[in-house]
């Protein structure tokens, strides 16, 4: 299977091969009314970085689309950094998750 056959992470735009940890992200957090709403498949590291950078309220209020997420200053830097890593790359996200 080539990289072109794998789904693409809509945040970092790297392929998501079966060997790469991935997870579904609710664009509107479930706790803020997004249960059953749209989801996107992301690299797990990208998903963890979103939740480490933004609170559930911020996600629901101002960052409930991929374009909005990609415009957040911290995530812009993260995307630039992670896009240089191989698709299977995984790492712990430093710091605590925002409440």
PDB file of N, CA and C in Angstrom:
ATOM      1  N   UNK A   1       0.846  -1.181   0.000  1.00  0.00           N
ATOM      2  CA  UNK A   1       0.000   0.000   0.000  1.00  0.00           C
ATOM      3  C   UNK A   1       0.895   1.250   0.000  1.00  0.00           C
ATOM      4  N   UNK A   2       0.598   2.187  -0.849  1.00  0.00           N
ATOM      5  CA  UNK A   2       1.395   3.408  -0.904  1.00  0.00           C
ATOM      6  C   UNK A   2       0.764   4.475  -0.024  1.00  0.00           C
ATOM      7  N   UNK A   3       1.546   5.526   0.274  1.00  0.00           N
ATOM      8  CA  UNK A   3       1.047   6.633   1.090  1.00  0.00           C
ATOM      9  C   UNK A   3      -0.211   7.258   0.505  1.00  0.00           C
ATOM     10  N   UNK A   4      -0.362   7.212  -0.844  1.00  0.00           N
ATOM     11  CA  UNK A   4      -1.522   7.820  -1.481  1.00  0.00           C
ATOM     12  C   UNK A   4      -2.814   7.072  -1.169  1.00  0.00           C
ATOM     13  N   UNK A   5      -2.712   5.824  -0.703  1.00  0.00           N
ATOM     14  CA  UNK A   5      -3.895   5.024  -0.416  1.00  0.00           C
ATOM     15  C   UNK A   5      -4.368   5.174   1.029  1.00  0.00           C
ATOM     16  N   UNK A   6      -3.586   5.817   1.866  1.00  0.00           N
ATOM     17  CA  UNK A   6      -3.951   5.996   3.266  1.00  0.00           C
ATOM     18  C   UNK A   6      -4.807   7.239   3.433  1.00  0.00           C
ATOM     19  N   UNK A   7      -5.668   7.249   4.457  1.00  0.00           N
ATOM     20  CA  UNK A   7      -6.388   8.497   4.745  1.00  0.00           C
ATOM     21  C   UNK A   7      -5.384   9.585   5.135  1.00  0.00           C
ATOM     22  N   UNK A   8      -5.760  10.822   4.946  1.00  0.00           N
ATOM     23  CA  UNK A   8      -4.901  11.964   5.257  1.00  0.00           C
ATOM     24  C   UNK A   8      -5.423  12.653   6.509  1.00  0.00           C
ATOM     25  N   UNK A   9      -4.525  12.953   7.427  1.00  0.00           N
ATOM     26  CA  UNK A   9      -4.891  13.702   8.626  1.00  0.00           C
ATOM     27  C   UNK A   9      -5.232  15.127   8.184  1.00  0.00           C
ATOM     28  N   UNK A  10      -6.453  15.594   8.434  1.00  0.00           N
ATOM     29  CA  UNK A  10      -6.823  16.924   7.965  1.00  0.00           C
ATOM     30  C   UNK A  10      -6.146  18.059   8.736  1.00  0.00           C
ATOM     31  N   UNK A  11      -5.488  17.761   9.854  1.00  0.00           N
ATOM     32  CA  UNK A  11      -4.796  18.818  10.589  1.00  0.00           C
ATOM     33  C   UNK A  11      -3.373  19.000  10.038  1.00  0.00           C
ATOM     34  N   UNK A  12      -2.575  17.943  10.034  1.00  0.00           N
ATOM     35  CA  UNK A  12      -1.174  18.050   9.605  1.00  0.00           C
ATOM     36  C   UNK A  12      -0.966  17.683   8.137  1.00  0.00           C
ATOM     37  N   UNK A  13      -1.991  17.082   7.524  1.00  0.00           N
ATOM     38  CA  UNK A  13      -1.978  16.691   6.111  1.00  0.00           C
ATOM     39  C   UNK A  13      -0.941  15.619   5.774  1.00  0.00           C
ATOM     40  N   UNK A  14      -0.571  14.824   6.797  1.00  0.00           N
ATOM     41  CA  UNK A  14       0.283  13.652   6.567  1.00  0.00           C
ATOM     42  C   UNK A  14      -0.620  12.430   6.436  1.00  0.00           C
ATOM     43  N   UNK A  15      -0.175  11.401   5.707  1.00  0.00           N
ATOM     44  CA  UNK A  15      -0.978  10.178   5.622  1.00  0.00           C
ATOM     45  C   UNK A  15      -1.075   9.487   6.984  1.00  0.00           C
ATOM     46  N   UNK A  16      -2.154   8.739   7.170  1.00  0.00           N
ATOM     47  CA  UNK A  16      -2.354   7.966   8.404  1.00  0.00           C
ATOM     48  C   UNK A  16      -2.319   6.478   8.041  1.00  0.00           C
ATOM     49  N   UNK A  17      -1.128   5.853   8.044  1.00  0.00           N
ATOM     50  CA  UNK A  17      -1.051   4.419   7.752  1.00  0.00           C
ATOM     51  C   UNK A  17      -1.622   3.609   8.921  1.00  0.00           C
ATOM     52  N   UNK A  18      -1.961   2.345   8.682  1.00  0.00           N
ATOM     53  CA  UNK A  18      -2.527   1.519   9.759  1.00  0.00           C
ATOM     54  C   UNK A  18      -1.626   1.424  10.989  1.00  0.00           C
ATOM     55  N   UNK A  19      -0.318   1.568  10.810  1.00  0.00           N
ATOM     56  CA  UNK A  19       0.612   1.467  11.939  1.00  0.00           C
ATOM     57  C   UNK A  19       0.666   2.744  12.785  1.00  0.00           C
ATOM     58  N   UNK A  20       0.072   3.819  12.316  1.00  0.00           N
ATOM     59  CA  UNK A  20       0.112   5.098  13.048  1.00  0.00           C
ATOM     60  C   UNK A  20      -1.084   5.194  13.987  1.00  0.00           C
ATOM     61  N   UNK A  21      -0.860   5.544  15.250  1.00  0.00           N
ATOM     62  CA  UNK A  21      -1.990   5.735  16.155  1.00  0.00           C
ATOM     63  C   UNK A  21      -2.876   6.872  15.638  1.00  0.00           C
ATOM     64  N   UNK A  22      -4.191   6.624  15.619  1.00  0.00           N
ATOM     65  CA  UNK A  22      -5.127   7.653  15.172  1.00  0.00           C
ATOM     66  C   UNK A  22      -6.374   7.608  16.045  1.00  0.00           C
ATOM     67  N   UNK A  23      -7.160   8.668  15.978  1.00  0.00           N
ATOM     68  CA  UNK A  23      -8.402   8.725  16.758  1.00  0.00           C
ATOM     69  C   UNK A  23      -9.366   9.692  16.092  1.00  0.00           C
ATOM     70  N   UNK A  24     -10.639   9.576  16.489  1.00  0.00           N
ATOM     71  CA  UNK A  24     -11.672  10.467  15.969  1.00  0.00           C
ATOM     72  C   UNK A  24     -11.778  11.696  16.853  1.00  0.00           C
ATOM     73  N   UNK A  25     -11.880  12.855  16.217  1.00  0.00           N
ATOM     74  CA  UNK A  25     -12.061  14.124  16.935  1.00  0.00           C
ATOM     75  C   UNK A  25     -13.444  14.659  16.608  1.00  0.00           C
ATOM     76  N   UNK A  26     -14.240  14.925  17.640  1.00  0.00           N
ATOM     77  CA  UNK A  26     -15.531  15.585  17.461  1.00  0.00           C
ATOM     78  C   UNK A  26     -15.261  17.076  17.265  1.00  0.00           C
ATOM     79  N   UNK A  27     -15.700  17.626  16.150  1.00  0.00           N
ATOM     80  CA  UNK A  27     -15.441  19.047  15.888  1.00  0.00           C
ATOM     81  C   UNK A  27     -16.093  19.926  16.947  1.00  0.00           C
ATOM     82  N   UNK A  28     -17.278  19.534  17.417  1.00  0.00           N
ATOM     83  CA  UNK A  28     -17.891  20.165  18.588  1.00  0.00           C
ATOM     84  C   UNK A  28     -17.798  19.123  19.692  1.00  0.00           C
ATOM     85  N   UNK A  29     -17.152  19.431  20.823  1.00  0.00           N
ATOM     86  CA  UNK A  29     -16.988  18.436  21.885  1.00  0.00           C
ATOM     87  C   UNK A  29     -18.327  17.817  22.310  1.00  0.00           C
ATOM     88  N   UNK A  30     -18.286  16.524  22.597  1.00  0.00           N
ATOM     89  CA  UNK A  30     -19.504  15.814  23.016  1.00  0.00           C
ATOM     90  C   UNK A  30     -20.152  16.490  24.216  1.00  0.00           C
ATOM     91  N   UNK A  31     -19.340  16.943  25.162  1.00  0.00           N
ATOM     92  CA  UNK A  31     -19.883  17.583  26.365  1.00  0.00           C
ATOM     93  C   UNK A  31     -20.518  18.938  26.083  1.00  0.00           C
ATOM     94  N   UNK A  32     -20.272  19.484  24.900  1.00  0.00           N
ATOM     95  CA  UNK A  32     -20.803  20.807  24.533  1.00  0.00           C
ATOM     96  C   UNK A  32     -21.819  20.700  23.398  1.00  0.00           C
ATOM     97  N   UNK A  33     -22.463  19.535  23.276  1.00  0.00           N
ATOM     98  CA  UNK A  33     -23.528  19.362  22.285  1.00  0.00           C
ATOM     99  C   UNK A  33     -23.111  18.698  20.992  1.00  0.00           C
ATOM    100  N   UNK A  34     -21.894  18.177  20.927  1.00  0.00           N
ATOM    101  CA  UNK A  34     -21.425  17.594  19.683  1.00  0.00           C
ATOM    102  C   UNK A  34     -21.619  16.098  19.539  1.00  0.00           C
ATOM    103  N   UNK A  35     -22.286  15.452  20.504  1.00  0.00           N
ATOM    104  CA  UNK A  35     -22.512  14.010  20.403  1.00  0.00           C
ATOM    105  C   UNK A  35     -23.346  13.734  19.157  1.00  0.00           C
ATOM    106  N   UNK A  36     -22.847  12.869  18.308  1.00  0.00           N
ATOM    107  CA  UNK A  36     -23.532  12.567  17.063  1.00  0.00           C
ATOM    108  C   UNK A  36     -23.216  13.559  15.954  1.00  0.00           C
ATOM    109  N   UNK A  37     -22.397  14.568  16.256  1.00  0.00           N
ATOM    110  CA  UNK A  37     -22.016  15.570  15.264  1.00  0.00           C
ATOM    111  C   UNK A  37     -20.850  15.105  14.414  1.00  0.00           C
ATOM    112  N   UNK A  38     -20.345  15.984  13.557  1.00  0.00           N
ATOM    113  CA  UNK A  38     -19.257  15.594  12.656  1.00  0.00           C
ATOM    114  C   UNK A  38     -17.959  15.284  13.393  1.00  0.00           C
ATOM    115  N   UNK A  39     -17.259  14.278  12.878  1.00  0.00           N
ATOM    116  CA  UNK A  39     -15.960  13.884  13.415  1.00  0.00           C
ATOM    117  C   UNK A  39     -14.949  13.815  12.275  1.00  0.00           C
ATOM    118  N   UNK A  40     -13.688  13.884  12.635  1.00  0.00           N
ATOM    119  CA  UNK A  40     -12.597  13.712  11.669  1.00  0.00           C
ATOM    120  C   UNK A  40     -11.564  12.770  12.264  1.00  0.00           C
ATOM    121  N   UNK A  41     -10.939  11.945  11.413  1.00  0.00           N
ATOM    122  CA  UNK A  41      -9.868  11.056  11.860  1.00  0.00           C
ATOM    123  C   UNK A  41      -8.564  11.828  11.813  1.00  0.00           C
ATOM    124  N   UNK A  42      -7.846  11.835  12.937  1.00  0.00           N
ATOM    125  CA  UNK A  42      -6.579  12.546  13.073  1.00  0.00           C
ATOM    126  C   UNK A  42      -5.508  11.596  13.583  1.00  0.00           C
ATOM    127  N   UNK A  43      -4.240  11.936  13.318  1.00  0.00           N
ATOM    128  CA  UNK A  43      -3.170  11.260  14.049  1.00  0.00           C
ATOM    129  C   UNK A  43      -3.455  11.480  15.529  1.00  0.00           C
ATOM    130  N   UNK A  44      -3.147  10.499  16.327  1.00  0.00           N
ATOM    131  CA  UNK A  44      -3.413  10.634  17.760  1.00  0.00           C
ATOM    132  C   UNK A  44      -2.626  11.805  18.359  1.00  0.00           C
ATOM    133  N   UNK A  45      -1.397  12.014  17.901  1.00  0.00           N
ATOM    134  CA  UNK A  45      -0.594  13.123  18.418  1.00  0.00           C
ATOM    135  C   UNK A  45      -1.253  14.464  18.087  1.00  0.00           C
ATOM    136  N   UNK A  46      -1.852  14.575  16.905  1.00  0.00           N
ATOM    137  CA  UNK A  46      -2.538  15.815  16.519  1.00  0.00           C
ATOM    138  C   UNK A  46      -3.777  16.026  17.394  1.00  0.00           C
ATOM    139  N   UNK A  47      -4.515  14.944  17.634  1.00  0.00           N
ATOM    140  CA  UNK A  47      -5.708  15.017  18.477  1.00  0.00           C
ATOM    141  C   UNK A  47      -5.331  15.422  19.903  1.00  0.00           C
ATOM    142  N   UNK A  48      -4.277  14.813  20.440  1.00  0.00           N
ATOM    143  CA  UNK A  48      -3.838  15.147  21.796  1.00  0.00           C
ATOM    144  C   UNK A  48      -3.413  16.608  21.886  1.00  0.00           C
ATOM    145  N   UNK A  49      -2.753  17.110  20.847  1.00  0.00           N
ATOM    146  CA  UNK A  49      -2.281  18.499  20.864  1.00  0.00           C
ATOM    147  C   UNK A  49      -3.456  19.476  20.859  1.00  0.00           C
ATOM    148  N   UNK A  50      -4.502  19.161  20.137  1.00  0.00           N
ATOM    149  CA  UNK A  50      -5.697  20.016  20.130  1.00  0.00           C
ATOM    150  C   UNK A  50      -6.235  20.144  21.548  1.00  0.00           C
ATOM    151  N   UNK A  51      -6.402  18.998  22.231  1.00  0.00           N
ATOM    152  CA  UNK A  51      -6.991  19.022  23.574  1.00  0.00           C
ATOM    153  C   UNK A  51      -6.022  19.536  24.638  1.00  0.00           C
ATOM    154  N   UNK A  52      -4.733  19.493  24.360  1.00  0.00           N
ATOM    155  CA  UNK A  52      -3.762  20.078  25.292  1.00  0.00           C
ATOM    156  C   UNK A  52      -3.704  21.598  25.130  1.00  0.00           C
ATOM    157  N   UNK A  53      -4.120  22.095  23.971  1.00  0.00           N
ATOM    158  CA  UNK A  53      -4.018  23.529  23.667  1.00  0.00           C
ATOM    159  C   UNK A  53      -5.296  24.311  23.935  1.00  0.00           C
ATOM    160  N   UNK A  54      -6.441  23.652  23.848  1.00  0.00           N
ATOM    161  CA  UNK A  54      -7.729  24.345  23.920  1.00  0.00           C
ATOM    162  C   UNK A  54      -8.673  23.662  24.907  1.00  0.00           C
ATOM    163  N   UNK A  55      -9.484  24.454  25.580  1.00  0.00           N
ATOM    164  CA  UNK A  55     -10.495  23.893  26.479  1.00  0.00           C
ATOM    165  C   UNK A  55     -11.679  23.418  25.648  1.00  0.00           C
ATOM    166  N   UNK A  56     -12.529  22.613  26.262  1.00  0.00           N
ATOM    167  CA  UNK A  56     -13.752  22.161  25.592  1.00  0.00           C
ATOM    168  C   UNK A  56     -14.608  23.363  25.182  1.00  0.00           C
ATOM    169  N   UNK A  57     -14.697  24.364  26.072  1.00  0.00           N
ATOM    170  CA  UNK A  57     -15.493  25.564  25.770  1.00  0.00           C
ATOM    171  C   UNK A  57     -14.910  26.321  24.582  1.00  0.00           C
ATOM    172  N   UNK A  58     -13.575  26.458  24.534  1.00  0.00           N
ATOM    173  CA  UNK A  58     -12.939  27.145  23.400  1.00  0.00           C
ATOM    174  C   UNK A  58     -13.173  26.388  22.100  1.00  0.00           C
ATOM    175  N   UNK A  59     -13.077  25.059  22.168  1.00  0.00           N
ATOM    176  CA  UNK A  59     -13.331  24.249  20.982  1.00  0.00           C
ATOM    177  C   UNK A  59     -14.756  24.451  20.483  1.00  0.00           C
ATOM    178  N   UNK A  60     -15.720  24.424  21.389  1.00  0.00           N
ATOM    179  CA  UNK A  60     -17.122  24.572  20.998  1.00  0.00           C
ATOM    180  C   UNK A  60     -17.418  25.981  20.485  1.00  0.00           C
ATOM    181  N   UNK A  61     -16.871  26.975  21.146  1.00  0.00           N
ATOM    182  CA  UNK A  61     -17.187  28.368  20.834  1.00  0.00           C
ATOM    183  C   UNK A  61     -16.480  28.877  19.588  1.00  0.00           C
ATOM    184  N   UNK A  62     -15.174  28.618  19.472  1.00  0.00           N
ATOM    185  CA  UNK A  62     -14.394  29.286  18.423  1.00  0.00           C
ATOM    186  C   UNK A  62     -13.584  28.365  17.515  1.00  0.00           C
ATOM    187  N   UNK A  63     -13.456  27.092  17.858  1.00  0.00           N
ATOM    188  CA  UNK A  63     -12.567  26.217  17.091  1.00  0.00           C
ATOM    189  C   UNK A  63     -13.260  24.912  16.689  1.00  0.00           C
ATOM    190  N   UNK A  64     -14.480  25.032  16.170  1.00  0.00           N
ATOM    191  CA  UNK A  64     -15.255  23.846  15.812  1.00  0.00           C
ATOM    192  C   UNK A  64     -15.154  23.505  14.323  1.00  0.00           C
ATOM    193  N   UNK A  65     -14.140  24.037  13.649  1.00  0.00           N
ATOM    194  CA  UNK A  65     -13.896  23.668  12.250  1.00  0.00           C
ATOM    195  C   UNK A  65     -12.397  23.443  12.070  1.00  0.00           C
ATOM    196  N   UNK A  66     -12.050  22.719  11.025  1.00  0.00           N
ATOM    197  CA  UNK A  66     -10.627  22.476  10.759  1.00  0.00           C
ATOM    198  C   UNK A  66      -9.902  23.776  10.423  1.00  0.00           C
ATOM    199  N   UNK A  67     -10.555  24.663   9.677  1.00  0.00           N
ATOM    200  CA  UNK A  67      -9.910  25.939   9.345  1.00  0.00           C
ATOM    201  C   UNK A  67      -9.607  26.744  10.603  1.00  0.00           C
ATOM    202  N   UNK A  68     -10.551  26.753  11.537  1.00  0.00           N
ATOM    203  CA  UNK A  68     -10.328  27.488  12.786  1.00  0.00           C
ATOM    204  C   UNK A  68      -9.192  26.857  13.585  1.00  0.00           C
ATOM    205  N   UNK A  69      -9.172  25.530  13.673  1.00  0.00           N
ATOM    206  CA  UNK A  69      -8.093  24.853  14.397  1.00  0.00           C
ATOM    207  C   UNK A  69      -6.741  25.170  13.772  1.00  0.00           C
ATOM    208  N   UNK A  70      -6.677  25.143  12.445  1.00  0.00           N
ATOM    209  CA  UNK A  70      -5.416  25.401  11.746  1.00  0.00           C
ATOM    210  C   UNK A  70      -4.958  26.847  11.891  1.00  0.00           C
ATOM    211  N   UNK A  71      -5.845  27.737  12.330  1.00  0.00           N
ATOM    212  CA  UNK A  71      -5.469  29.146  12.487  1.00  0.00           C
ATOM    213  C   UNK A  71      -5.025  29.488  13.912  1.00  0.00           C
ATOM    214  N   UNK A  72      -5.229  28.569  14.870  1.00  0.00           N
ATOM    215  CA  UNK A  72      -4.827  28.837  16.253  1.00  0.00           C
ATOM    216  C   UNK A  72      -3.296  28.947  16.308  1.00  0.00           C
ATOM    217  N   UNK A  73      -2.756  30.029  16.888  1.00  0.00           N
ATOM    218  CA  UNK A  73      -1.298  30.248  16.860  1.00  0.00           C
ATOM    219  C   UNK A  73      -0.468  29.072  17.373  1.00  0.00           C
ATOM    220  N   UNK A  74      -0.889  28.445  18.462  1.00  0.00           N
ATOM    221  CA  UNK A  74      -0.113  27.316  18.985  1.00  0.00           C
ATOM    222  C   UNK A  74      -0.166  26.134  18.026  1.00  0.00           C
ATOM    223  N   UNK A  75      -1.342  25.871  17.467  1.00  0.00           N
ATOM    224  CA  UNK A  75      -1.474  24.738  16.556  1.00  0.00           C
ATOM    225  C   UNK A  75      -0.749  24.989  15.237  1.00  0.00           C
ATOM    226  N   UNK A  76      -0.655  26.235  14.803  1.00  0.00           N
ATOM    227  CA  UNK A  76       0.126  26.557  13.602  1.00  0.00           C
ATOM    228  C   UNK A  76       1.568  26.092  13.802  1.00  0.00           C
ATOM    229  N   UNK A  77       2.147  26.423  14.950  1.00  0.00           N
ATOM    230  CA  UNK A  77       3.532  26.014  15.247  1.00  0.00           C
ATOM    231  C   UNK A  77       3.655  24.498  15.340  1.00  0.00           C
ATOM    232  N   UNK A  78       2.675  23.869  16.001  1.00  0.00           N
ATOM    233  CA  UNK A  78       2.685  22.416  16.121  1.00  0.00           C
ATOM    234  C   UNK A  78       2.621  21.761  14.743  1.00  0.00           C
ATOM    235  N   UNK A  79       1.732  22.236  13.883  1.00  0.00           N
ATOM    236  CA  UNK A  79       1.575  21.656  12.543  1.00  0.00           C
ATOM    237  C   UNK A  79       2.874  21.797  11.749  1.00  0.00           C
ATOM    238  N   UNK A  80       3.506  22.946  11.834  1.00  0.00           N
ATOM    239  CA  UNK A  80       4.790  23.137  11.143  1.00  0.00           C
ATOM    240  C   UNK A  80       5.821  22.137  11.642  1.00  0.00           C
ATOM    241  N   UNK A  81       5.838  21.896  12.945  1.00  0.00           N
ATOM    242  CA  UNK A  81       6.798  20.970  13.543  1.00  0.00           C
ATOM    243  C   UNK A  81       6.486  19.524  13.167  1.00  0.00           C
ATOM    244  N   UNK A  82       5.234  19.104  13.372  1.00  0.00           N
ATOM    245  CA  UNK A  82       4.892  17.688  13.181  1.00  0.00           C
ATOM    246  C   UNK A  82       4.867  17.299  11.705  1.00  0.00           C
ATOM    247  N   UNK A  83       4.629  18.243  10.828  1.00  0.00           N
ATOM    248  CA  UNK A  83       4.569  17.912   9.398  1.00  0.00           C
ATOM    249  C   UNK A  83       5.919  17.439   8.863  1.00  0.00           C
ATOM    250  N   UNK A  84       6.995  17.706   9.593  1.00  0.00           N
ATOM    251  CA  UNK A  84       8.332  17.262   9.197  1.00  0.00           C
ATOM    252  C   UNK A  84       8.648  15.856   9.723  1.00  0.00           C
ATOM    253  N   UNK A  85       7.748  15.287  10.499  1.00  0.00           N
ATOM    254  CA  UNK A  85       7.952  13.963  11.093  1.00  0.00           C
ATOM    255  C   UNK A  85       7.324  12.883  10.202  1.00  0.00           C
ATOM    256  N   UNK A  86       7.806  11.640  10.315  1.00  0.00           N
ATOM    257  CA  UNK A  86       7.197  10.553   9.534  1.00  0.00           C
ATOM    258  C   UNK A  86       5.753  10.321   9.983  1.00  0.00           C
ATOM    259  N   UNK A  87       4.910   9.764   9.116  1.00  0.00           N
ATOM    260  CA  UNK A  87       3.493   9.563   9.448  1.00  0.00           C
ATOM    261  C   UNK A  87       3.254   8.739  10.715  1.00  0.00           C
ATOM    262  N   UNK A  88       4.162   7.812  11.033  1.00  0.00           N
ATOM    263  CA  UNK A  88       3.986   6.951  12.214  1.00  0.00           C
ATOM    264  C   UNK A  88       4.471   7.611  13.492  1.00  0.00           C
ATOM    265  N   UNK A  89       5.056   8.799  13.396  1.00  0.00           N
ATOM    266  CA  UNK A  89       5.643   9.463  14.561  1.00  0.00           C
ATOM    267  C   UNK A  89       4.602   9.672  15.660  1.00  0.00           C
ATOM    268  N   UNK A  90       5.012   9.380  16.872  1.00  0.00           N
ATOM    269  CA  UNK A  90       4.162   9.613  18.035  1.00  0.00           C
ATOM    270  C   UNK A  90       5.052  10.072  19.176  1.00  0.00           C
ATOM    271  N   UNK A  91       4.496  10.900  20.022  1.00  0.00           N
ATOM    272  CA  UNK A  91       5.255  11.432  21.144  1.00  0.00           C
ATOM    273  C   UNK A  91       4.258  11.855  22.203  1.00  0.00           C
ATOM    274  N   UNK A  92       4.730  11.931  23.421  1.00  0.00           N
ATOM    275  CA  UNK A  92       3.877  12.453  24.488  1.00  0.00           C
ATOM    276  C   UNK A  92       3.702  13.948  24.297  1.00  0.00           C
ATOM    277  N   UNK A  93       2.519  14.448  24.594  1.00  0.00           N
ATOM    278  CA  UNK A  93       2.267  15.872  24.530  1.00  0.00           C
ATOM    279  C   UNK A  93       2.618  16.446  25.889  1.00  0.00           C
ATOM    280  N   UNK A  94       3.557  17.417  25.935  1.00  0.00           N
ATOM    281  CA  UNK A  94       3.949  17.977  27.236  1.00  0.00           C
ATOM    282  C   UNK A  94       2.822  18.812  27.841  1.00  0.00           C
ATOM    283  N   UNK A  95       2.830  18.912  29.155  1.00  0.00           N
ATOM    284  CA  UNK A  95       1.850  19.755  29.841  1.00  0.00           C
ATOM    285  C   UNK A  95       0.554  19.003  30.106  1.00  0.00           C
ATOM    286  N   UNK A  96      -0.319  19.676  30.823  1.00  0.00           N
ATOM    287  CA  UNK A  96      -1.592  19.071  31.198  1.00  0.00           C
ATOM    288  C   UNK A  96      -2.669  19.432  30.197  1.00  0.00           C
ATOM    289  N   UNK A  97      -3.650  18.568  30.112  1.00  0.00           N
ATOM    290  CA  UNK A  97      -4.801  18.803  29.260  1.00  0.00           C
ATOM    291  C   UNK A  97      -5.624  19.945  29.840  1.00  0.00           C
ATOM    292  N   UNK A  98      -6.121  20.821  28.975  1.00  0.00           N
ATOM    293  CA  UNK A  98      -6.957  21.935  29.428  1.00  0.00           C
ATOM    294  C   UNK A  98      -8.322  21.404  29.848  1.00  0.00           C
ATOM    295  N   UNK A  99      -8.885  21.971  30.897  1.00  0.00           N
ATOM    296  CA  UNK A  99     -10.204  21.550  31.381  1.00  0.00           C
ATOM    297  C   UNK A  99     -11.311  22.250  30.627  1.00  0.00           C
TER     298      UNK A  99
END
